[in-house]
Amino acid sequence: MYKGTLNSFCRVVVDCKEYGYYCAGNRTCQCLPSYVPNDKGQLCLGLLGEKCKYDEHCIEGAFCYLQDTCKCKDEYRPSFDNMYCLSGATSVTKNYVLISNFLVLSLLFCLKIV
């Protein structure tokens, strides 16, 4: 039996693919809250920590660890919100810049320079 992908017609949840989908009130398969549409808007991909069976069920840079959970590949690191897998240096640098900007703004606010 055919299992629907994103925006496919459905009557009940079993009409949709197993991982990351539900049958919405408008009778179309939609992504569950912790799953996001792929670039083409055809499939739902699991964010980090979500259920999966195959690597293609997970976001870019992730794989399906033990055919159970989406996890970043070794050469990637999770973003602070677990929505992306970033290259190791990018993740550290990006978080460092965000924290640095916050600290500078906090200091300026305390000194009433802003």
PDB file of N, CA and C in Angstrom:
ATOM      1  N   MET A   1       0.820  -1.184   0.000  1.00  0.00           N
ATOM      2  CA  MET A   1       0.000   0.000   0.000  1.00  0.00           C
ATOM      3  C   MET A   1       0.864   1.249   0.000  1.00  0.00           C
ATOM      4  N   TYR A   2       0.491   2.239  -0.791  1.00  0.00           N
ATOM      5  CA  TYR A   2       1.208   3.506  -0.892  1.00  0.00           C
ATOM      6  C   TYR A   2       1.016   4.315   0.384  1.00  0.00           C
ATOM      7  N   LYS A   3       2.087   4.852   0.906  1.00  0.00           N
ATOM      8  CA  LYS A   3       2.038   5.730   2.081  1.00  0.00           C
ATOM      9  C   LYS A   3       2.352   7.143   1.607  1.00  0.00           C
ATOM     10  N   GLY A   4       1.475   8.086   1.927  1.00  0.00           N
ATOM     11  CA  GLY A   4       1.603   9.455   1.448  1.00  0.00           C
ATOM     12  C   GLY A   4       2.747  10.229   2.062  1.00  0.00           C
ATOM     13  N   THR A   5       3.326  11.113   1.248  1.00  0.00           N
ATOM     14  CA  THR A   5       4.352  12.032   1.703  1.00  0.00           C
ATOM     15  C   THR A   5       3.698  13.391   1.959  1.00  0.00           C
ATOM     16  N   LEU A   6       4.477  14.409   2.132  1.00  0.00           N
ATOM     17  CA  LEU A   6       3.988  15.737   2.460  1.00  0.00           C
ATOM     18  C   LEU A   6       2.956  16.228   1.444  1.00  0.00           C
ATOM     19  N   ASN A   7       1.818  16.651   1.943  1.00  0.00           N
ATOM     20  CA  ASN A   7       0.683  17.181   1.169  1.00  0.00           C
ATOM     21  C   ASN A   7      -0.105  16.131   0.390  1.00  0.00           C
ATOM     22  N   SER A   8       0.207  14.847   0.574  1.00  0.00           N
ATOM     23  CA  SER A   8      -0.574  13.788  -0.067  1.00  0.00           C
ATOM     24  C   SER A   8      -1.923  13.645   0.641  1.00  0.00           C
ATOM     25  N   PHE A   9      -2.925  13.186  -0.092  1.00  0.00           N
ATOM     26  CA  PHE A   9      -4.252  12.970   0.484  1.00  0.00           C
ATOM     27  C   PHE A   9      -4.201  11.849   1.514  1.00  0.00           C
ATOM     28  N   CYS A  10      -4.952  12.019   2.608  1.00  0.00           N
ATOM     29  CA  CYS A  10      -5.053  10.977   3.630  1.00  0.00           C
ATOM     30  C   CYS A  10      -6.415  11.050   4.297  1.00  0.00           C
ATOM     31  N   ARG A  11      -6.829   9.943   4.868  1.00  0.00           N
ATOM     32  CA  ARG A  11      -8.054   9.897   5.679  1.00  0.00           C
ATOM     33  C   ARG A  11      -7.691   9.709   7.145  1.00  0.00           C
ATOM     34  N   VAL A  12      -6.656   8.892   7.385  1.00  0.00           N
ATOM     35  CA  VAL A  12      -6.167   8.603   8.738  1.00  0.00           C
ATOM     36  C   VAL A  12      -4.640   8.589   8.698  1.00  0.00           C
ATOM     37  N   VAL A  13      -4.017   8.632   9.872  1.00  0.00           N
ATOM     38  CA  VAL A  13      -2.565   8.738   9.954  1.00  0.00           C
ATOM     39  C   VAL A  13      -1.829   7.596   9.238  1.00  0.00           C
ATOM     40  N   VAL A  14      -2.390   6.396   9.212  1.00  0.00           N
ATOM     41  CA  VAL A  14      -1.697   5.284   8.551  1.00  0.00           C
ATOM     42  C   VAL A  14      -1.643   5.449   7.036  1.00  0.00           C
ATOM     43  N   ASP A  15      -2.369   6.424   6.493  1.00  0.00           N
ATOM     44  CA  ASP A  15      -2.268   6.723   5.065  1.00  0.00           C
ATOM     45  C   ASP A  15      -0.984   7.482   4.751  1.00  0.00           C
ATOM     46  N   CYS A  16      -0.337   8.030   5.778  1.00  0.00           N
ATOM     47  CA  CYS A  16       0.899   8.805   5.611  1.00  0.00           C
ATOM     48  C   CYS A  16       2.108   7.944   5.967  1.00  0.00           C
ATOM     49  N   LYS A  17       3.283   8.370   5.495  1.00  0.00           N
ATOM     50  CA  LYS A  17       4.511   7.659   5.841  1.00  0.00           C
ATOM     51  C   LYS A  17       4.655   7.592   7.356  1.00  0.00           C
ATOM     52  N   GLU A  18       5.393   6.598   7.822  1.00  0.00           N
ATOM     53  CA  GLU A  18       5.460   6.301   9.247  1.00  0.00           C
ATOM     54  C   GLU A  18       6.204   7.345  10.081  1.00  0.00           C
ATOM     55  N   TYR A  19       7.333   7.832   9.609  1.00  0.00           N
ATOM     56  CA  TYR A  19       8.166   8.695  10.436  1.00  0.00           C
ATOM     57  C   TYR A  19       7.967  10.167  10.108  1.00  0.00           C
ATOM     58  N   GLY A  20       7.421  10.916  11.077  1.00  0.00           N
ATOM     59  CA  GLY A  20       7.344  12.358  10.951  1.00  0.00           C
ATOM     60  C   GLY A  20       6.079  12.930  10.361  1.00  0.00           C
ATOM     61  N   TYR A  21       5.060  12.133  10.119  1.00  0.00           N
ATOM     62  CA  TYR A  21       3.851  12.617   9.459  1.00  0.00           C
ATOM     63  C   TYR A  21       2.611  12.410  10.315  1.00  0.00           C
ATOM     64  N   TYR A  22       1.611  13.224  10.063  1.00  0.00           N
ATOM     65  CA  TYR A  22       0.278  13.016  10.629  1.00  0.00           C
ATOM     66  C   TYR A  22      -0.737  13.432   9.568  1.00  0.00           C
ATOM     67  N   CYS A  23      -1.964  12.990   9.709  1.00  0.00           N
ATOM     68  CA  CYS A  23      -3.023  13.349   8.767  1.00  0.00           C
ATOM     69  C   CYS A  23      -3.757  14.559   9.343  1.00  0.00           C
ATOM     70  N   ALA A  24      -3.576  15.695   8.712  1.00  0.00           N
ATOM     71  CA  ALA A  24      -4.144  16.956   9.202  1.00  0.00           C
ATOM     72  C   ALA A  24      -5.636  17.042   8.911  1.00  0.00           C
ATOM     73  N   GLY A  25      -6.278  18.033   9.502  1.00  0.00           N
ATOM     74  CA  GLY A  25      -7.713  18.241   9.333  1.00  0.00           C
ATOM     75  C   GLY A  25      -8.131  18.489   7.897  1.00  0.00           C
ATOM     76  N   ASN A  26      -7.202  18.981   7.072  1.00  0.00           N
ATOM     77  CA  ASN A  26      -7.527  19.215   5.661  1.00  0.00           C
ATOM     78  C   ASN A  26      -7.301  17.963   4.807  1.00  0.00           C
ATOM     79  N   ARG A  27      -7.116  16.828   5.494  1.00  0.00           N
ATOM     80  CA  ARG A  27      -6.925  15.524   4.848  1.00  0.00           C
ATOM     81  C   ARG A  27      -5.681  15.459   3.958  1.00  0.00           C
ATOM     82  N   THR A  28      -4.597  16.069   4.453  1.00  0.00           N
ATOM     83  CA  THR A  28      -3.303  15.939   3.791  1.00  0.00           C
ATOM     84  C   THR A  28      -2.260  15.540   4.827  1.00  0.00           C
ATOM     85  N   CYS A  29      -1.267  14.803   4.381  1.00  0.00           N
ATOM     86  CA  CYS A  29      -0.162  14.420   5.261  1.00  0.00           C
ATOM     87  C   CYS A  29       0.699  15.655   5.510  1.00  0.00           C
ATOM     88  N   GLN A  30       0.979  15.923   6.776  1.00  0.00           N
ATOM     89  CA  GLN A  30       1.792  17.065   7.168  1.00  0.00           C
ATOM     90  C   GLN A  30       2.893  16.611   8.118  1.00  0.00           C
ATOM     91  N   CYS A  31       3.898  17.471   8.318  1.00  0.00           N
ATOM     92  CA  CYS A  31       5.008  17.148   9.217  1.00  0.00           C
ATOM     93  C   CYS A  31       4.605  17.333  10.674  1.00  0.00           C
ATOM     94  N   LEU A  32       5.001  16.384  11.506  1.00  0.00           N
ATOM     95  CA  LEU A  32       4.844  16.531  12.952  1.00  0.00           C
ATOM     96  C   LEU A  32       5.704  17.710  13.421  1.00  0.00           C
ATOM     97  N   PRO A  33       5.436  18.264  14.606  1.00  0.00           N
ATOM     98  CA  PRO A  33       6.160  19.456  15.069  1.00  0.00           C
ATOM     99  C   PRO A  33       7.686  19.361  15.078  1.00  0.00           C
ATOM    100  N   SER A  34       8.279  18.222  15.359  1.00  0.00           N
ATOM    101  CA  SER A  34       9.740  18.103  15.407  1.00  0.00           C
ATOM    102  C   SER A  34      10.337  17.575  14.103  1.00  0.00           C
ATOM    103  N   TYR A  35       9.596  17.734  13.027  1.00  0.00           N
ATOM    104  CA  TYR A  35      10.046  17.345  11.695  1.00  0.00           C
ATOM    105  C   TYR A  35       9.845  18.543  10.780  1.00  0.00           C
ATOM    106  N   VAL A  36      10.723  18.692   9.796  1.00  0.00           N
ATOM    107  CA  VAL A  36      10.653  19.841   8.889  1.00  0.00           C
ATOM    108  C   VAL A  36      10.621  19.363   7.440  1.00  0.00           C
ATOM    109  N   PRO A  37       9.991  20.136   6.558  1.00  0.00           N
ATOM    110  CA  PRO A  37       9.982  19.754   5.143  1.00  0.00           C
ATOM    111  C   PRO A  37      11.390  19.836   4.543  1.00  0.00           C
ATOM    112  N   ASN A  38      11.684  18.958   3.598  1.00  0.00           N
ATOM    113  CA  ASN A  38      12.967  19.030   2.911  1.00  0.00           C
ATOM    114  C   ASN A  38      12.965  20.231   1.967  1.00  0.00           C
ATOM    115  N   ASP A  39      14.090  20.471   1.290  1.00  0.00           N
ATOM    116  CA  ASP A  39      14.225  21.630   0.403  1.00  0.00           C
ATOM    117  C   ASP A  39      13.181  21.669  -0.708  1.00  0.00           C
ATOM    118  N   LYS A  40      12.753  20.515  -1.166  1.00  0.00           N
ATOM    119  CA  LYS A  40      11.770  20.449  -2.254  1.00  0.00           C
ATOM    120  C   LYS A  40      10.333  20.466  -1.743  1.00  0.00           C
ATOM    121  N   GLY A  41      10.157  20.445  -0.422  1.00  0.00           N
ATOM    122  CA  GLY A  41       8.819  20.461   0.159  1.00  0.00           C
ATOM    123  C   GLY A  41       8.033  19.187  -0.088  1.00  0.00           C
ATOM    124  N   GLN A  42       8.733  18.059  -0.199  1.00  0.00           N
ATOM    125  CA  GLN A  42       8.082  16.787  -0.508  1.00  0.00           C
ATOM    126  C   GLN A  42       8.102  15.799   0.658  1.00  0.00           C
ATOM    127  N   LEU A  43       9.112  15.899   1.511  1.00  0.00           N
ATOM    128  CA  LEU A  43       9.300  14.929   2.590  1.00  0.00           C
ATOM    129  C   LEU A  43       9.483  15.641   3.924  1.00  0.00           C
ATOM    130  N   CYS A  44       9.147  14.966   5.006  1.00  0.00           N
ATOM    131  CA  CYS A  44       9.377  15.470   6.351  1.00  0.00           C
ATOM    132  C   CYS A  44      10.656  14.832   6.895  1.00  0.00           C
ATOM    133  N   LEU A  45      11.552  15.658   7.420  1.00  0.00           N
ATOM    134  CA  LEU A  45      12.827  15.184   7.943  1.00  0.00           C
ATOM    135  C   LEU A  45      12.897  15.432   9.441  1.00  0.00           C
ATOM    136  N   GLY A  46      13.392  14.440  10.173  1.00  0.00           N
ATOM    137  CA  GLY A  46      13.473  14.539  11.619  1.00  0.00           C
ATOM    138  C   GLY A  46      14.599  15.434  12.088  1.00  0.00           C
ATOM    139  N   LEU A  47      14.298  16.294  13.064  1.00  0.00           N
ATOM    140  CA  LEU A  47      15.334  17.075  13.731  1.00  0.00           C
ATOM    141  C   LEU A  47      16.133  16.130  14.616  1.00  0.00           C
ATOM    142  N   LEU A  48      17.194  16.612  15.189  1.00  0.00           N
ATOM    143  CA  LEU A  48      18.050  15.770  16.023  1.00  0.00           C
ATOM    144  C   LEU A  48      17.276  15.225  17.218  1.00  0.00           C
ATOM    145  N   GLY A  49      17.445  13.936  17.468  1.00  0.00           N
ATOM    146  CA  GLY A  49      16.759  13.272  18.566  1.00  0.00           C
ATOM    147  C   GLY A  49      15.419  12.661  18.188  1.00  0.00           C
ATOM    148  N   GLU A  50      14.978  12.881  16.946  1.00  0.00           N
ATOM    149  CA  GLU A  50      13.672  12.351  16.518  1.00  0.00           C
ATOM    150  C   GLU A  50      13.790  10.939  15.973  1.00  0.00           C
ATOM    151  N   LYS A  51      12.654  10.247  15.932  1.00  0.00           N
ATOM    152  CA  LYS A  51      12.590   8.859  15.470  1.00  0.00           C
ATOM    153  C   LYS A  51      12.858   8.780  13.962  1.00  0.00           C
ATOM    154  N   CYS A  52      13.499   7.701  13.566  1.00  0.00           N
ATOM    155  CA  CYS A  52      13.806   7.450  12.165  1.00  0.00           C
ATOM    156  C   CYS A  52      14.050   5.964  11.974  1.00  0.00           C
ATOM    157  N   LYS A  53      14.127   5.558  10.730  1.00  0.00           N
ATOM    158  CA  LYS A  53      14.521   4.191  10.414  1.00  0.00           C
ATOM    159  C   LYS A  53      15.725   4.204   9.480  1.00  0.00           C
ATOM    160  N   TYR A  54      15.749   5.182   8.576  1.00  0.00           N
ATOM    161  CA  TYR A  54      16.838   5.308   7.597  1.00  0.00           C
ATOM    162  C   TYR A  54      17.405   6.721   7.634  1.00  0.00           C
ATOM    163  N   ASP A  55      18.631   6.868   7.143  1.00  0.00           N
ATOM    164  CA  ASP A  55      19.299   8.169   7.134  1.00  0.00           C
ATOM    165  C   ASP A  55      18.473   9.245   6.435  1.00  0.00           C
ATOM    166  N   GLU A  56      17.770   8.881   5.374  1.00  0.00           N
ATOM    167  CA  GLU A  56      16.990   9.866   4.621  1.00  0.00           C
ATOM    168  C   GLU A  56      15.788  10.410   5.406  1.00  0.00           C
ATOM    169  N   HIS A  57      15.526   9.870   6.577  1.00  0.00           N
ATOM    170  CA  HIS A  57      14.454  10.384   7.440  1.00  0.00           C
ATOM    171  C   HIS A  57      14.931  11.562   8.287  1.00  0.00           C
ATOM    172  N   CYS A  58      16.243  11.884   8.226  1.00  0.00           N
ATOM    173  CA  CYS A  58      16.837  12.911   9.089  1.00  0.00           C
ATOM    174  C   CYS A  58      17.285  14.138   8.298  1.00  0.00           C
ATOM    175  N   ILE A  59      17.458  15.250   9.025  1.00  0.00           N
ATOM    176  CA  ILE A  59      17.910  16.488   8.402  1.00  0.00           C
ATOM    177  C   ILE A  59      19.308  16.327   7.814  1.00  0.00           C
ATOM    178  N   GLU A  60      19.708  17.277   6.982  1.00  0.00           N
ATOM    179  CA  GLU A  60      21.022  17.257   6.341  1.00  0.00           C
ATOM    180  C   GLU A  60      22.129  17.264   7.398  1.00  0.00           C
ATOM    181  N   GLY A  61      23.152  16.441   7.182  1.00  0.00           N
ATOM    182  CA  GLY A  61      24.267  16.344   8.117  1.00  0.00           C
ATOM    183  C   GLY A  61      24.035  15.341   9.226  1.00  0.00           C
ATOM    184  N   ALA A  62      22.857  14.720   9.250  1.00  0.00           N
ATOM    185  CA  ALA A  62      22.529  13.744  10.297  1.00  0.00           C
ATOM    186  C   ALA A  62      22.334  12.360   9.676  1.00  0.00           C
ATOM    187  N   PHE A  63      22.339  11.354  10.524  1.00  0.00           N
ATOM    188  CA  PHE A  63      22.064   9.981  10.102  1.00  0.00           C
ATOM    189  C   PHE A  63      21.152   9.346  11.137  1.00  0.00           C
ATOM    190  N   CYS A  64      20.599   8.204  10.784  1.00  0.00           N
ATOM    191  CA  CYS A  64      19.689   7.502  11.680  1.00  0.00           C
ATOM    192  C   CYS A  64      20.501   6.518  12.521  1.00  0.00           C
ATOM    193  N   TYR A  65      20.833   6.913  13.724  1.00  0.00           N
ATOM    194  CA  TYR A  65      21.641   6.122  14.642  1.00  0.00           C
ATOM    195  C   TYR A  65      20.864   4.896  15.120  1.00  0.00           C
ATOM    196  N   LEU A  66      21.430   3.715  14.866  1.00  0.00           N
ATOM    197  CA  LEU A  66      20.834   2.429  15.254  1.00  0.00           C
ATOM    198  C   LEU A  66      19.401   2.262  14.736  1.00  0.00           C
ATOM    199  N   GLN A  67      19.120   2.831  13.573  1.00  0.00           N
ATOM    200  CA  GLN A  67      17.778   2.796  12.969  1.00  0.00           C
ATOM    201  C   GLN A  67      16.706   3.218  13.964  1.00  0.00           C
ATOM    202  N   ASP A  68      17.025   4.283  14.746  1.00  0.00           N
ATOM    203  CA  ASP A  68      16.114   4.714  15.792  1.00  0.00           C
ATOM    204  C   ASP A  68      16.026   6.231  15.950  1.00  0.00           C
ATOM    205  N   THR A  69      17.180   6.931  15.970  1.00  0.00           N
ATOM    206  CA  THR A  69      17.201   8.340  16.344  1.00  0.00           C
ATOM    207  C   THR A  69      18.119   9.140  15.425  1.00  0.00           C
ATOM    208  N   CYS A  70      17.665  10.319  15.003  1.00  0.00           N
ATOM    209  CA  CYS A  70      18.486  11.203  14.177  1.00  0.00           C
ATOM    210  C   CYS A  70      19.605  11.807  15.027  1.00  0.00           C
ATOM    211  N   LYS A  71      20.827  11.716  14.506  1.00  0.00           N
ATOM    212  CA  LYS A  71      22.008  12.190  15.227  1.00  0.00           C
ATOM    213  C   LYS A  71      22.978  12.780  14.204  1.00  0.00           C
ATOM    214  N   CYS A  72      23.715  13.840  14.587  1.00  0.00           N
ATOM    215  CA  CYS A  72      24.696  14.443  13.676  1.00  0.00           C
ATOM    216  C   CYS A  72      25.799  13.442  13.327  1.00  0.00           C
ATOM    217  N   LYS A  73      26.239  13.490  12.071  1.00  0.00           N
ATOM    218  CA  LYS A  73      27.375  12.678  11.654  1.00  0.00           C
ATOM    219  C   LYS A  73      28.613  13.155  12.411  1.00  0.00           C
ATOM    220  N   ASP A  74      29.660  12.313  12.464  1.00  0.00           N
ATOM    221  CA  ASP A  74      30.857  12.612  13.250  1.00  0.00           C
ATOM    222  C   ASP A  74      31.502  13.949  12.909  1.00  0.00           C
ATOM    223  N   GLU A  75      31.504  14.335  11.640  1.00  0.00           N
ATOM    224  CA  GLU A  75      32.163  15.578  11.243  1.00  0.00           C
ATOM    225  C   GLU A  75      31.304  16.820  11.498  1.00  0.00           C
ATOM    226  N   TYR A  76      30.129  16.640  12.079  1.00  0.00           N
ATOM    227  CA  TYR A  76      29.212  17.743  12.371  1.00  0.00           C
ATOM    228  C   TYR A  76      28.918  17.820  13.863  1.00  0.00           C
ATOM    229  N   ARG A  77      28.421  18.974  14.270  1.00  0.00           N
ATOM    230  CA  ARG A  77      27.995  19.190  15.652  1.00  0.00           C
ATOM    231  C   ARG A  77      26.586  19.756  15.642  1.00  0.00           C
ATOM    232  N   PRO A  78      25.756  19.444  16.645  1.00  0.00           N
ATOM    233  CA  PRO A  78      24.394  19.986  16.686  1.00  0.00           C
ATOM    234  C   PRO A  78      24.401  21.479  17.004  1.00  0.00           C
ATOM    235  N   SER A  79      23.470  22.207  16.417  1.00  0.00           N
ATOM    236  CA  SER A  79      23.296  23.613  16.777  1.00  0.00           C
ATOM    237  C   SER A  79      22.707  23.663  18.178  1.00  0.00           C
ATOM    238  N   PHE A  80      22.726  24.829  18.797  1.00  0.00           N
ATOM    239  CA  PHE A  80      22.251  24.950  20.174  1.00  0.00           C
ATOM    240  C   PHE A  80      20.785  24.556  20.316  1.00  0.00           C
ATOM    241  N   ASP A  81      19.995  24.679  19.231  1.00  0.00           N
ATOM    242  CA  ASP A  81      18.571  24.341  19.285  1.00  0.00           C
ATOM    243  C   ASP A  81      18.253  22.974  18.695  1.00  0.00           C
ATOM    244  N   ASN A  82      19.278  22.199  18.323  1.00  0.00           N
ATOM    245  CA  ASN A  82      19.137  20.859  17.726  1.00  0.00           C
ATOM    246  C   ASN A  82      18.373  20.859  16.409  1.00  0.00           C
ATOM    247  N   MET A  83      18.345  21.992  15.709  1.00  0.00           N
ATOM    248  CA  MET A  83      17.640  22.057  14.436  1.00  0.00           C
ATOM    249  C   MET A  83      18.562  21.851  13.244  1.00  0.00           C
ATOM    250  N   TYR A  84      19.878  21.939  13.464  1.00  0.00           N
ATOM    251  CA  TYR A  84      20.843  21.824  12.371  1.00  0.00           C
ATOM    252  C   TYR A  84      22.052  21.037  12.823  1.00  0.00           C
ATOM    253  N   CYS A  85      22.717  20.427  11.847  1.00  0.00           N
ATOM    254  CA  CYS A  85      24.029  19.846  12.078  1.00  0.00           C
ATOM    255  C   CYS A  85      25.015  20.768  11.371  1.00  0.00           C
ATOM    256  N   LEU A  86      25.946  21.310  12.123  1.00  0.00           N
ATOM    257  CA  LEU A  86      26.919  22.266  11.597  1.00  0.00           C
ATOM    258  C   LEU A  86      28.302  21.640  11.621  1.00  0.00           C
ATOM    259  N   SER A  87      29.179  22.104  10.726  1.00  0.00           N
ATOM    260  CA  SER A  87      30.546  21.604  10.783  1.00  0.00           C
ATOM    261  C   SER A  87      31.119  22.005  12.131  1.00  0.00           C
ATOM    262  N   GLY A  88      32.024  21.215  12.689  1.00  0.00           N
ATOM    263  CA  GLY A  88      32.540  21.424  14.042  1.00  0.00           C
ATOM    264  C   GLY A  88      32.961  22.849  14.342  1.00  0.00           C
ATOM    265  N   ALA A  89      33.776  23.450  13.477  1.00  0.00           N
ATOM    266  CA  ALA A  89      34.267  24.804  13.721  1.00  0.00           C
ATOM    267  C   ALA A  89      33.137  25.819  13.627  1.00  0.00           C
ATOM    268  N   THR A  90      32.245  25.627  12.685  1.00  0.00           N
ATOM    269  CA  THR A  90      31.142  26.572  12.496  1.00  0.00           C
ATOM    270  C   THR A  90      30.266  26.631  13.725  1.00  0.00           C
ATOM    271  N   SER A  91      29.949  25.496  14.302  1.00  0.00           N
ATOM    272  CA  SER A  91      29.078  25.453  15.468  1.00  0.00           C
ATOM    273  C   SER A  91      29.701  26.195  16.641  1.00  0.00           C
ATOM    274  N   VAL A  92      30.972  25.915  16.921  1.00  0.00           N
ATOM    275  CA  VAL A  92      31.654  26.551  18.038  1.00  0.00           C
ATOM    276  C   VAL A  92      31.759  28.048  17.788  1.00  0.00           C
ATOM    277  N   THR A  93      32.193  28.425  16.593  1.00  0.00           N
ATOM    278  CA  THR A  93      32.350  29.836  16.253  1.00  0.00           C
ATOM    279  C   THR A  93      31.029  30.566  16.328  1.00  0.00           C
ATOM    280  N   LYS A  94      29.995  29.992  15.765  1.00  0.00           N
ATOM    281  CA  LYS A  94      28.686  30.634  15.743  1.00  0.00           C
ATOM    282  C   LYS A  94      28.166  30.863  17.165  1.00  0.00           C
ATOM    283  N   ASN A  95      28.258  29.866  18.025  1.00  0.00           N
ATOM    284  CA  ASN A  95      27.794  30.009  19.399  1.00  0.00           C
ATOM    285  C   ASN A  95      28.657  31.014  20.165  1.00  0.00           C
ATOM    286  N   TYR A  96      29.961  31.023  19.901  1.00  0.00           N
ATOM    287  CA  TYR A  96      30.860  31.959  20.564  1.00  0.00           C
ATOM    288  C   TYR A  96      30.507  33.391  20.188  1.00  0.00           C
ATOM    289  N   VAL A  97      30.254  33.640  18.915  1.00  0.00           N
ATOM    290  CA  VAL A  97      29.888  34.976  18.454  1.00  0.00           C
ATOM    291  C   VAL A  97      28.577  35.419  19.085  1.00  0.00           C
ATOM    292  N   LEU A  98      27.574  34.543  19.138  1.00  0.00           N
ATOM    293  CA  LEU A  98      26.293  34.890  19.758  1.00  0.00           C
ATOM    294  C   LEU A  98      26.468  35.249  21.225  1.00  0.00           C
ATOM    295  N   ILE A  99      27.239  34.460  21.952  1.00  0.00           N
ATOM    296  CA  ILE A  99      27.463  34.714  23.373  1.00  0.00           C
ATOM    297  C   ILE A  99      28.264  36.002  23.551  1.00  0.00           C
ATOM    298  N   SER A 100      29.286  36.209  22.715  1.00  0.00           N
ATOM    299  CA  SER A 100      30.101  37.415  22.801  1.00  0.00           C
ATOM    300  C   SER A 100      29.260  38.661  22.567  1.00  0.00           C
ATOM    301  N   ASN A 101      28.414  38.634  21.537  1.00  0.00           N
ATOM    302  CA  ASN A 101      27.550  39.780  21.251  1.00  0.00           C
ATOM    303  C   ASN A 101      26.618  40.065  22.416  1.00  0.00           C
ATOM    304  N   PHE A 102      26.067  39.024  23.008  1.00  0.00           N
ATOM    305  CA  PHE A 102      25.175  39.195  24.155  1.00  0.00           C
ATOM    306  C   PHE A 102      25.916  39.833  25.328  1.00  0.00           C
ATOM    307  N   LEU A 103      27.133  39.365  25.606  1.00  0.00           N
ATOM    308  CA  LEU A 103      27.905  39.905  26.728  1.00  0.00           C
ATOM    309  C   LEU A 103      28.275  41.366  26.497  1.00  0.00           C
ATOM    310  N   VAL A 104      28.660  41.718  25.276  1.00  0.00           N
ATOM    311  CA  VAL A 104      29.008  43.108  24.961  1.00  0.00           C
ATOM    312  C   VAL A 104      27.791  44.000  25.144  1.00  0.00           C
ATOM    313  N   LEU A 105      26.646  43.589  24.614  1.00  0.00           N
ATOM    314  CA  LEU A 105      25.431  44.391  24.764  1.00  0.00           C
ATOM    315  C   LEU A 105      25.023  44.520  26.231  1.00  0.00           C
ATOM    316  N   SER A 106      25.175  43.452  26.989  1.00  0.00           N
ATOM    317  CA  SER A 106      24.843  43.500  28.411  1.00  0.00           C
ATOM    318  C   SER A 106      25.749  44.481  29.140  1.00  0.00           C
ATOM    319  N   LEU A 107      27.027  44.446  28.829  1.00  0.00           N
ATOM    320  CA  LEU A 107      27.983  45.354  29.453  1.00  0.00           C
ATOM    321  C   LEU A 107      27.655  46.800  29.095  1.00  0.00           C
ATOM    322  N   LEU A 108      27.385  47.052  27.824  1.00  0.00           N
ATOM    323  CA  LEU A 108      27.038  48.419  27.382  1.00  0.00           C
ATOM    324  C   LEU A 108      25.767  48.899  28.068  1.00  0.00           C
ATOM    325  N   PHE A 109      24.800  48.022  28.221  1.00  0.00           N
ATOM    326  CA  PHE A 109      23.555  48.395  28.880  1.00  0.00           C
ATOM    327  C   PHE A 109      23.819  48.742  30.349  1.00  0.00           C
ATOM    328  N   CYS A 110      24.638  47.914  31.005  1.00  0.00           N
ATOM    329  CA  CYS A 110      24.959  48.176  32.418  1.00  0.00           C
ATOM    330  C   CYS A 110      25.702  49.503  32.592  1.00  0.00           C
ATOM    331  N   LEU A 111      26.547  49.839  31.623  1.00  0.00           N
ATOM    332  CA  LEU A 111      27.292  51.097  31.681  1.00  0.00           C
ATOM    333  C   LEU A 111      26.447  52.262  31.140  1.00  0.00           C
ATOM    334  N   LYS A 112      25.243  51.953  30.678  1.00  0.00           N
ATOM    335  CA  LYS A 112      24.305  52.928  30.125  1.00  0.00           C
ATOM    336  C   LYS A 112      24.884  53.689  28.936  1.00  0.00           C
ATOM    337  N   ILE A 113      25.663  52.962  28.123  1.00  0.00           N
ATOM    338  CA  ILE A 113      26.212  53.547  26.909  1.00  0.00           C
ATOM    339  C   ILE A 113      25.219  53.413  25.764  1.00  0.00           C
ATOM    340  N   VAL A 114      24.387  52.410  25.811  1.00  0.00           N
ATOM    341  CA  VAL A 114      23.429  52.166  24.724  1.00  0.00           C
ATOM    342  C   VAL A 114      22.251  53.102  24.834  1.00  0.00           C
TER     343      VAL A 114
END
